[in-house]
Amino acid sequence: MFGMFGTKKAVSATGNHMPNVQSQEEMYNKIGRGTLLEGTVTCEGEIRVEGEIDGLLVSKSKVVVGATGLIKGDIKCNIADISGHVKGKIQVSELLFLRSTAQIDGEIFTGKLVVEEGAAINGNCHMGSKVANSSSNTSGAAGKNEQAKVQKAAS
């Protein structure tokens, strides 16, 4: 429904206006194949990368790196689903999902990790709720224990 001056206003099932509510369409961002962004990319909602980002990517929601996506820099988000290539540190507070075509060259900090057969990780992986929100935790002991668990699960 449109309000004054053509602005979109959300309407509840009862017909009441709900101000300050953004639609899913407004919360979704896409960087298409063949697009290169350099610098810091920050977004409130979900972002899908099929192109290339050379710099920091920060989302308060979900980051999806498609099979053609390339991130040369760090990622910070709540949830990540990666099919492409990331060269940098990944910091995910909740769940990191690495698809079979994922290539990670760098350090991972995540609460939970799911790895499909074929995904490649070249670097350290730190898992658990304590390390997911603290990229400064590089003591190594927790990371080595979690690495052993990941390697055992993959065997």
N, C-alpha and C. Protein backbone atom coordinates (compact mmCIF):
# COMPACT_ATOMS: atom_id res chain seq x y z
N MET A 1 0.84 -1.16 0.00
CA MET A 1 0.00 0.00 0.00
C MET A 1 0.89 1.23 0.00
N PHE A 2 0.48 2.28 -0.72
CA PHE A 2 1.27 3.50 -0.81
C PHE A 2 0.70 4.57 0.09
N GLY A 3 1.57 5.26 0.80
CA GLY A 3 1.17 6.36 1.67
C GLY A 3 1.33 7.68 0.92
N MET A 4 1.41 8.75 1.66
CA MET A 4 1.58 10.06 1.08
C MET A 4 2.88 10.14 0.30
N PHE A 5 2.90 10.79 -0.81
CA PHE A 5 4.06 10.99 -1.67
C PHE A 5 4.59 9.70 -2.26
N GLY A 6 3.75 8.66 -2.37
CA GLY A 6 4.13 7.44 -3.04
C GLY A 6 5.05 6.53 -2.26
N THR A 7 5.26 6.79 -0.97
CA THR A 7 6.12 5.91 -0.19
C THR A 7 5.36 4.65 0.19
N LYS A 8 6.05 3.55 0.22
CA LYS A 8 5.45 2.27 0.56
C LYS A 8 5.30 2.13 2.06
N LYS A 9 4.13 1.70 2.51
CA LYS A 9 3.92 1.43 3.93
C LYS A 9 3.44 0.00 4.07
N ALA A 10 3.97 -0.72 5.04
CA ALA A 10 3.55 -2.09 5.28
C ALA A 10 2.18 -2.09 5.93
N VAL A 11 1.37 -3.11 5.59
CA VAL A 11 0.03 -3.22 6.14
C VAL A 11 -0.10 -4.60 6.76
N SER A 12 -0.62 -4.67 7.97
CA SER A 12 -0.81 -5.96 8.65
C SER A 12 -2.02 -6.67 8.07
N ALA A 13 -2.23 -7.92 8.50
CA ALA A 13 -3.36 -8.70 8.02
C ALA A 13 -4.69 -8.05 8.38
N THR A 14 -4.72 -7.24 9.44
CA THR A 14 -5.95 -6.57 9.86
C THR A 14 -6.16 -5.25 9.12
N GLY A 15 -5.21 -4.87 8.28
CA GLY A 15 -5.35 -3.64 7.50
C GLY A 15 -4.71 -2.43 8.15
N ASN A 16 -4.10 -2.59 9.33
CA ASN A 16 -3.45 -1.47 10.01
C ASN A 16 -2.08 -1.22 9.42
N HIS A 17 -1.71 0.06 9.35
CA HIS A 17 -0.37 0.41 8.84
C HIS A 17 0.69 0.07 9.87
N MET A 18 1.82 -0.45 9.39
CA MET A 18 2.94 -0.80 10.26
C MET A 18 4.15 0.00 9.81
N PRO A 19 4.39 1.17 10.39
CA PRO A 19 5.52 2.00 9.96
C PRO A 19 6.85 1.37 10.33
N ASN A 20 7.89 1.78 9.62
CA ASN A 20 9.27 1.36 9.87
C ASN A 20 9.50 -0.13 9.69
N VAL A 21 8.71 -0.80 8.87
CA VAL A 21 8.92 -2.21 8.58
C VAL A 21 9.39 -2.30 7.13
N GLN A 22 10.55 -2.91 6.92
CA GLN A 22 11.07 -3.04 5.57
C GLN A 22 10.70 -4.38 4.99
N SER A 23 10.39 -4.39 3.70
CA SER A 23 10.05 -5.65 3.04
C SER A 23 11.32 -6.45 2.78
N GLN A 24 11.15 -7.75 2.52
CA GLN A 24 12.30 -8.61 2.21
C GLN A 24 13.05 -8.06 1.01
N GLU A 25 12.35 -7.52 0.05
CA GLU A 25 12.97 -6.98 -1.16
C GLU A 25 13.96 -5.87 -0.83
N GLU A 26 13.62 -5.03 0.15
CA GLU A 26 14.48 -3.91 0.53
C GLU A 26 15.70 -4.37 1.33
N MET A 27 15.64 -5.56 1.92
CA MET A 27 16.71 -6.05 2.78
C MET A 27 17.67 -6.97 2.04
N TYR A 28 17.49 -7.17 0.74
CA TYR A 28 18.31 -8.09 -0.03
C TYR A 28 19.21 -7.31 -0.97
N ASN A 29 20.49 -7.64 -0.96
CA ASN A 29 21.48 -6.97 -1.82
C ASN A 29 22.17 -8.01 -2.67
N LYS A 30 22.51 -7.64 -3.90
CA LYS A 30 23.22 -8.57 -4.78
C LYS A 30 24.32 -7.84 -5.53
N ILE A 31 25.49 -8.48 -5.54
CA ILE A 31 26.61 -7.99 -6.34
C ILE A 31 26.78 -9.01 -7.44
N GLY A 32 26.41 -8.64 -8.64
CA GLY A 32 26.34 -9.56 -9.76
C GLY A 32 27.69 -9.94 -10.35
N ARG A 33 27.64 -11.02 -11.12
CA ARG A 33 28.82 -11.52 -11.82
C ARG A 33 29.38 -10.43 -12.72
N GLY A 34 30.70 -10.28 -12.72
CA GLY A 34 31.34 -9.24 -13.53
C GLY A 34 31.46 -7.90 -12.83
N THR A 35 30.95 -7.78 -11.60
CA THR A 35 31.02 -6.54 -10.83
C THR A 35 32.17 -6.62 -9.83
N LEU A 36 32.96 -5.55 -9.74
CA LEU A 36 34.06 -5.47 -8.79
C LEU A 36 33.82 -4.28 -7.88
N LEU A 37 33.79 -4.52 -6.57
CA LEU A 37 33.69 -3.45 -5.58
C LEU A 37 34.96 -3.45 -4.76
N GLU A 38 35.55 -2.26 -4.55
CA GLU A 38 36.75 -2.13 -3.75
C GLU A 38 36.44 -1.26 -2.55
N GLY A 39 36.84 -1.73 -1.36
CA GLY A 39 36.59 -0.98 -0.14
C GLY A 39 35.72 -1.77 0.82
N THR A 40 35.03 -1.06 1.69
CA THR A 40 34.18 -1.68 2.70
C THR A 40 32.74 -1.70 2.23
N VAL A 41 32.12 -2.87 2.30
CA VAL A 41 30.71 -3.03 1.97
C VAL A 41 30.00 -3.39 3.27
N THR A 42 29.03 -2.57 3.66
CA THR A 42 28.27 -2.79 4.89
C THR A 42 26.79 -2.80 4.56
N CYS A 43 26.06 -3.79 5.10
CA CYS A 43 24.62 -3.83 4.85
C CYS A 43 23.88 -4.37 6.07
N GLU A 44 22.64 -3.97 6.20
CA GLU A 44 21.79 -4.42 7.31
C GLU A 44 21.23 -5.81 7.03
N GLY A 45 20.88 -6.07 5.77
CA GLY A 45 20.22 -7.31 5.42
C GLY A 45 21.14 -8.30 4.74
N GLU A 46 20.50 -9.26 4.07
CA GLU A 46 21.23 -10.33 3.38
C GLU A 46 21.92 -9.78 2.14
N ILE A 47 23.09 -10.33 1.83
CA ILE A 47 23.81 -9.95 0.63
C ILE A 47 24.30 -11.20 -0.09
N ARG A 48 24.15 -11.20 -1.40
CA ARG A 48 24.64 -12.30 -2.24
C ARG A 48 25.71 -11.74 -3.15
N VAL A 49 26.86 -12.42 -3.19
CA VAL A 49 27.99 -11.97 -4.01
C VAL A 49 28.26 -13.00 -5.10
N GLU A 50 28.05 -12.61 -6.34
CA GLU A 50 28.40 -13.43 -7.49
C GLU A 50 29.59 -12.82 -8.22
N GLY A 51 29.88 -11.56 -7.88
CA GLY A 51 31.02 -10.85 -8.45
C GLY A 51 32.21 -10.89 -7.51
N GLU A 52 32.92 -9.75 -7.41
CA GLU A 52 34.14 -9.70 -6.60
C GLU A 52 34.12 -8.51 -5.66
N ILE A 53 34.54 -8.73 -4.43
CA ILE A 53 34.74 -7.66 -3.45
C ILE A 53 36.19 -7.71 -3.01
N ASP A 54 36.87 -6.58 -3.12
CA ASP A 54 38.25 -6.45 -2.66
C ASP A 54 38.21 -5.52 -1.45
N GLY A 55 38.03 -6.10 -0.26
CA GLY A 55 37.92 -5.30 0.95
C GLY A 55 37.07 -6.02 1.99
N LEU A 56 36.56 -5.26 2.93
CA LEU A 56 35.78 -5.80 4.05
C LEU A 56 34.31 -5.89 3.69
N LEU A 57 33.67 -7.02 4.04
CA LEU A 57 32.24 -7.22 3.84
C LEU A 57 31.60 -7.47 5.19
N VAL A 58 30.66 -6.60 5.60
CA VAL A 58 30.00 -6.71 6.89
C VAL A 58 28.49 -6.72 6.68
N SER A 59 27.83 -7.72 7.26
CA SER A 59 26.37 -7.80 7.21
C SER A 59 25.84 -8.17 8.59
N LYS A 60 24.74 -7.56 8.99
CA LYS A 60 24.10 -7.91 10.25
C LYS A 60 23.21 -9.13 10.07
N SER A 61 23.20 -9.67 8.85
CA SER A 61 22.35 -10.81 8.54
C SER A 61 23.19 -11.91 7.91
N LYS A 62 22.80 -12.32 6.70
CA LYS A 62 23.41 -13.46 6.02
C LYS A 62 24.24 -13.01 4.82
N VAL A 63 25.39 -13.66 4.64
CA VAL A 63 26.23 -13.44 3.47
C VAL A 63 26.24 -14.73 2.66
N VAL A 64 25.93 -14.61 1.36
CA VAL A 64 25.99 -15.74 0.45
C VAL A 64 27.04 -15.40 -0.61
N VAL A 65 28.05 -16.26 -0.73
CA VAL A 65 29.05 -16.09 -1.78
C VAL A 65 28.78 -17.21 -2.78
N GLY A 66 28.27 -16.84 -3.95
CA GLY A 66 27.94 -17.81 -4.98
C GLY A 66 29.18 -18.44 -5.59
N ALA A 67 28.97 -19.42 -6.45
CA ALA A 67 30.08 -20.16 -7.06
C ALA A 67 31.03 -19.26 -7.84
N THR A 68 30.52 -18.15 -8.40
CA THR A 68 31.37 -17.23 -9.16
C THR A 68 31.89 -16.09 -8.30
N GLY A 69 31.52 -16.07 -7.01
CA GLY A 69 31.90 -14.99 -6.10
C GLY A 69 33.33 -15.12 -5.61
N LEU A 70 33.98 -13.97 -5.41
CA LEU A 70 35.34 -13.90 -4.88
C LEU A 70 35.42 -12.75 -3.89
N ILE A 71 35.85 -13.06 -2.68
CA ILE A 71 36.07 -12.04 -1.65
C ILE A 71 37.55 -12.02 -1.33
N LYS A 72 38.20 -10.88 -1.59
CA LYS A 72 39.61 -10.69 -1.21
C LYS A 72 39.61 -9.73 -0.04
N GLY A 73 39.39 -10.29 1.14
CA GLY A 73 39.29 -9.47 2.35
C GLY A 73 38.49 -10.23 3.39
N ASP A 74 38.12 -9.54 4.43
CA ASP A 74 37.45 -10.18 5.56
C ASP A 74 35.93 -10.12 5.44
N ILE A 75 35.28 -11.12 6.06
CA ILE A 75 33.81 -11.17 6.12
C ILE A 75 33.42 -11.22 7.59
N LYS A 76 32.43 -10.41 7.97
CA LYS A 76 31.86 -10.44 9.31
C LYS A 76 30.34 -10.47 9.16
N CYS A 77 29.70 -11.51 9.73
CA CYS A 77 28.24 -11.63 9.60
C CYS A 77 27.70 -12.61 10.63
N ASN A 78 26.37 -12.80 10.62
CA ASN A 78 25.73 -13.76 11.52
C ASN A 78 25.72 -15.16 10.92
N ILE A 79 25.39 -15.25 9.63
CA ILE A 79 25.30 -16.53 8.93
C ILE A 79 25.98 -16.37 7.58
N ALA A 80 26.72 -17.39 7.15
CA ALA A 80 27.36 -17.35 5.83
C ALA A 80 27.17 -18.68 5.12
N ASP A 81 26.93 -18.58 3.82
CA ASP A 81 26.76 -19.74 2.94
C ASP A 81 27.71 -19.51 1.77
N ILE A 82 28.79 -20.27 1.70
CA ILE A 82 29.84 -19.98 0.73
C ILE A 82 30.01 -21.12 -0.26
N SER A 83 29.92 -20.75 -1.55
CA SER A 83 30.18 -21.68 -2.65
C SER A 83 31.39 -21.24 -3.44
N GLY A 84 31.78 -19.98 -3.31
CA GLY A 84 32.88 -19.41 -4.08
C GLY A 84 34.19 -19.39 -3.32
N HIS A 85 35.01 -18.36 -3.60
CA HIS A 85 36.37 -18.27 -3.08
C HIS A 85 36.48 -17.09 -2.12
N VAL A 86 37.05 -17.33 -0.95
CA VAL A 86 37.30 -16.27 0.03
C VAL A 86 38.78 -16.30 0.40
N LYS A 87 39.45 -15.15 0.24
CA LYS A 87 40.85 -14.99 0.63
C LYS A 87 40.89 -13.95 1.75
N GLY A 88 40.77 -14.44 2.99
CA GLY A 88 40.76 -13.52 4.12
C GLY A 88 40.14 -14.19 5.33
N LYS A 89 39.96 -13.41 6.37
CA LYS A 89 39.40 -13.91 7.62
C LYS A 89 37.87 -13.90 7.55
N ILE A 90 37.26 -14.99 8.01
CA ILE A 90 35.80 -15.10 8.06
C ILE A 90 35.38 -15.17 9.51
N GLN A 91 34.52 -14.25 9.93
CA GLN A 91 34.02 -14.22 11.30
C GLN A 91 32.49 -14.30 11.25
N VAL A 92 31.95 -15.47 11.65
CA VAL A 92 30.51 -15.74 11.59
C VAL A 92 30.03 -16.05 13.00
N SER A 93 29.09 -15.28 13.50
CA SER A 93 28.65 -15.47 14.88
C SER A 93 27.78 -16.71 15.08
N GLU A 94 27.07 -17.16 14.03
CA GLU A 94 26.19 -18.31 14.19
C GLU A 94 26.66 -19.52 13.37
N LEU A 95 26.29 -19.58 12.09
CA LEU A 95 26.54 -20.76 11.27
C LEU A 95 27.26 -20.42 9.97
N LEU A 96 28.33 -21.14 9.71
CA LEU A 96 29.06 -21.04 8.44
C LEU A 96 28.84 -22.34 7.68
N PHE A 97 28.32 -22.22 6.45
CA PHE A 97 28.06 -23.39 5.61
C PHE A 97 28.97 -23.30 4.40
N LEU A 98 29.86 -24.28 4.24
CA LEU A 98 30.77 -24.31 3.10
C LEU A 98 30.29 -25.36 2.12
N ARG A 99 29.88 -24.92 0.94
CA ARG A 99 29.40 -25.82 -0.10
C ARG A 99 30.58 -26.55 -0.75
N SER A 100 30.29 -27.55 -1.56
CA SER A 100 31.33 -28.41 -2.15
C SER A 100 32.32 -27.64 -3.02
N THR A 101 31.91 -26.49 -3.58
CA THR A 101 32.80 -25.72 -4.45
C THR A 101 33.54 -24.60 -3.71
N ALA A 102 33.35 -24.50 -2.39
CA ALA A 102 33.97 -23.42 -1.61
C ALA A 102 35.48 -23.60 -1.51
N GLN A 103 36.19 -22.48 -1.59
CA GLN A 103 37.65 -22.44 -1.44
C GLN A 103 37.95 -21.33 -0.44
N ILE A 104 38.45 -21.69 0.73
CA ILE A 104 38.75 -20.71 1.77
C ILE A 104 40.26 -20.67 2.00
N ASP A 105 40.85 -19.50 1.84
CA ASP A 105 42.26 -19.27 2.11
C ASP A 105 42.33 -18.21 3.21
N GLY A 106 42.32 -18.67 4.46
CA GLY A 106 42.36 -17.74 5.58
C GLY A 106 41.81 -18.35 6.84
N GLU A 107 41.69 -17.53 7.85
CA GLU A 107 41.29 -17.99 9.16
C GLU A 107 39.77 -17.90 9.32
N ILE A 108 39.20 -18.91 10.00
CA ILE A 108 37.75 -18.97 10.21
C ILE A 108 37.47 -18.91 11.71
N PHE A 109 36.51 -18.06 12.09
CA PHE A 109 35.98 -17.98 13.44
C PHE A 109 34.47 -18.15 13.31
N THR A 110 33.91 -19.21 13.88
CA THR A 110 32.47 -19.43 13.73
C THR A 110 31.89 -20.18 14.92
N GLY A 111 30.62 -19.97 15.14
CA GLY A 111 29.93 -20.72 16.19
C GLY A 111 29.75 -22.16 15.78
N LYS A 112 29.23 -22.38 14.57
CA LYS A 112 29.01 -23.73 14.04
C LYS A 112 29.48 -23.78 12.60
N LEU A 113 29.91 -24.96 12.17
CA LEU A 113 30.46 -25.13 10.83
C LEU A 113 29.89 -26.39 10.18
N VAL A 114 29.43 -26.23 8.93
CA VAL A 114 29.00 -27.36 8.12
C VAL A 114 29.84 -27.33 6.85
N VAL A 115 30.47 -28.46 6.53
CA VAL A 115 31.35 -28.53 5.37
C VAL A 115 30.91 -29.67 4.46
N GLU A 116 30.57 -29.35 3.21
CA GLU A 116 30.25 -30.38 2.24
C GLU A 116 31.54 -30.99 1.69
N GLU A 117 31.45 -32.24 1.28
CA GLU A 117 32.59 -32.91 0.67
C GLU A 117 33.03 -32.14 -0.57
N GLY A 118 34.33 -31.87 -0.67
CA GLY A 118 34.87 -31.13 -1.80
C GLY A 118 35.29 -29.72 -1.45
N ALA A 119 34.73 -29.15 -0.38
CA ALA A 119 35.13 -27.82 0.05
C ALA A 119 36.57 -27.85 0.55
N ALA A 120 37.31 -26.75 0.32
CA ALA A 120 38.72 -26.69 0.72
C ALA A 120 38.94 -25.54 1.69
N ILE A 121 39.62 -25.85 2.79
CA ILE A 121 39.98 -24.84 3.78
C ILE A 121 41.49 -24.85 3.94
N ASN A 122 42.14 -23.75 3.60
CA ASN A 122 43.57 -23.58 3.77
C ASN A 122 43.79 -22.50 4.83
N GLY A 123 43.87 -22.94 6.08
CA GLY A 123 44.01 -22.00 7.19
C GLY A 123 43.50 -22.62 8.46
N ASN A 124 43.42 -21.82 9.50
CA ASN A 124 42.95 -22.30 10.80
C ASN A 124 41.45 -22.09 10.95
N CYS A 125 40.83 -22.98 11.72
CA CYS A 125 39.41 -22.89 12.00
C CYS A 125 39.21 -22.88 13.51
N HIS A 126 38.54 -21.85 14.00
CA HIS A 126 38.24 -21.72 15.42
C HIS A 126 36.73 -21.78 15.56
N MET A 127 36.23 -22.76 16.36
CA MET A 127 34.79 -22.94 16.47
C MET A 127 34.33 -22.86 17.92
N GLY A 128 33.06 -22.55 18.06
CA GLY A 128 32.44 -22.47 19.37
C GLY A 128 31.90 -21.08 19.62
N SER A 129 30.95 -20.98 20.52
CA SER A 129 30.30 -19.70 20.77
C SER A 129 31.26 -18.63 21.31
N LYS A 130 32.29 -19.04 22.03
CA LYS A 130 33.22 -18.06 22.59
C LYS A 130 34.11 -17.42 21.52
N VAL A 131 34.53 -18.20 20.53
CA VAL A 131 35.43 -17.66 19.51
C VAL A 131 34.68 -17.00 18.36
N ALA A 132 33.41 -17.33 18.19
CA ALA A 132 32.64 -16.79 17.07
C ALA A 132 32.54 -15.28 17.12
N ASN A 133 32.46 -14.73 18.30
CA ASN A 133 32.31 -13.29 18.44
C ASN A 133 33.60 -12.57 18.79
N SER A 134 34.72 -13.30 18.79
CA SER A 134 35.99 -12.70 19.16
C SER A 134 37.09 -13.12 18.21
N SER A 135 37.33 -12.34 17.18
CA SER A 135 38.38 -12.69 16.22
C SER A 135 39.76 -12.49 16.81
N SER A 136 39.84 -11.84 17.96
CA SER A 136 41.15 -11.63 18.59
C SER A 136 41.63 -12.88 19.30
N ASN A 137 40.77 -13.90 19.42
CA ASN A 137 41.15 -15.15 20.08
C ASN A 137 41.93 -16.01 19.11
N THR A 138 43.24 -15.91 19.17
CA THR A 138 44.08 -16.69 18.26
C THR A 138 45.08 -17.53 19.06
N SER A 139 44.63 -17.95 20.25
CA SER A 139 45.54 -18.70 21.12
C SER A 139 45.98 -20.02 20.51
N GLY A 140 45.15 -20.59 19.64
CA GLY A 140 45.56 -21.80 18.96
C GLY A 140 45.03 -23.06 19.58
N ALA A 141 44.95 -23.17 20.88
CA ALA A 141 44.53 -24.41 21.53
C ALA A 141 43.11 -24.79 21.14
N ALA A 142 42.19 -23.87 21.26
CA ALA A 142 40.80 -24.18 20.89
C ALA A 142 40.71 -24.48 19.40
N GLY A 143 41.40 -23.71 18.59
CA GLY A 143 41.37 -23.92 17.15
C GLY A 143 41.90 -25.29 16.75
N LYS A 144 42.99 -25.73 17.39
CA LYS A 144 43.57 -27.04 17.07
C LYS A 144 42.63 -28.17 17.45
N ASN A 145 41.97 -28.04 18.62
CA ASN A 145 41.01 -29.06 19.03
C ASN A 145 39.86 -29.16 18.06
N GLU A 146 39.34 -28.02 17.63
CA GLU A 146 38.22 -28.02 16.69
C GLU A 146 38.67 -28.53 15.33
N GLN A 147 39.90 -28.23 14.91
CA GLN A 147 40.41 -28.73 13.65
C GLN A 147 40.45 -30.26 13.67
N ALA A 148 40.87 -30.81 14.79
CA ALA A 148 40.94 -32.27 14.90
C ALA A 148 39.55 -32.87 14.76
N LYS A 149 38.52 -32.24 15.36
CA LYS A 149 37.15 -32.71 15.27
C LYS A 149 36.66 -32.66 13.83
N VAL A 150 36.99 -31.56 13.11
CA VAL A 150 36.57 -31.41 11.72
C VAL A 150 37.24 -32.48 10.87
N GLN A 151 38.54 -32.72 11.07
CA GLN A 151 39.25 -33.73 10.28
C GLN A 151 38.72 -35.12 10.55
N LYS A 152 38.39 -35.42 11.82
CA LYS A 152 37.83 -36.72 12.14
C LYS A 152 36.47 -36.92 11.46
N ALA A 153 35.64 -35.88 11.49
CA ALA A 153 34.31 -35.96 10.89
C ALA A 153 34.40 -36.15 9.39
N ALA A 154 35.41 -35.56 8.77
CA ALA A 154 35.56 -35.65 7.32
C ALA A 154 36.09 -37.02 6.90
N SER A 155 36.75 -37.73 7.80
CA SER A 155 37.34 -39.03 7.47
C SER A 155 36.30 -40.11 7.26
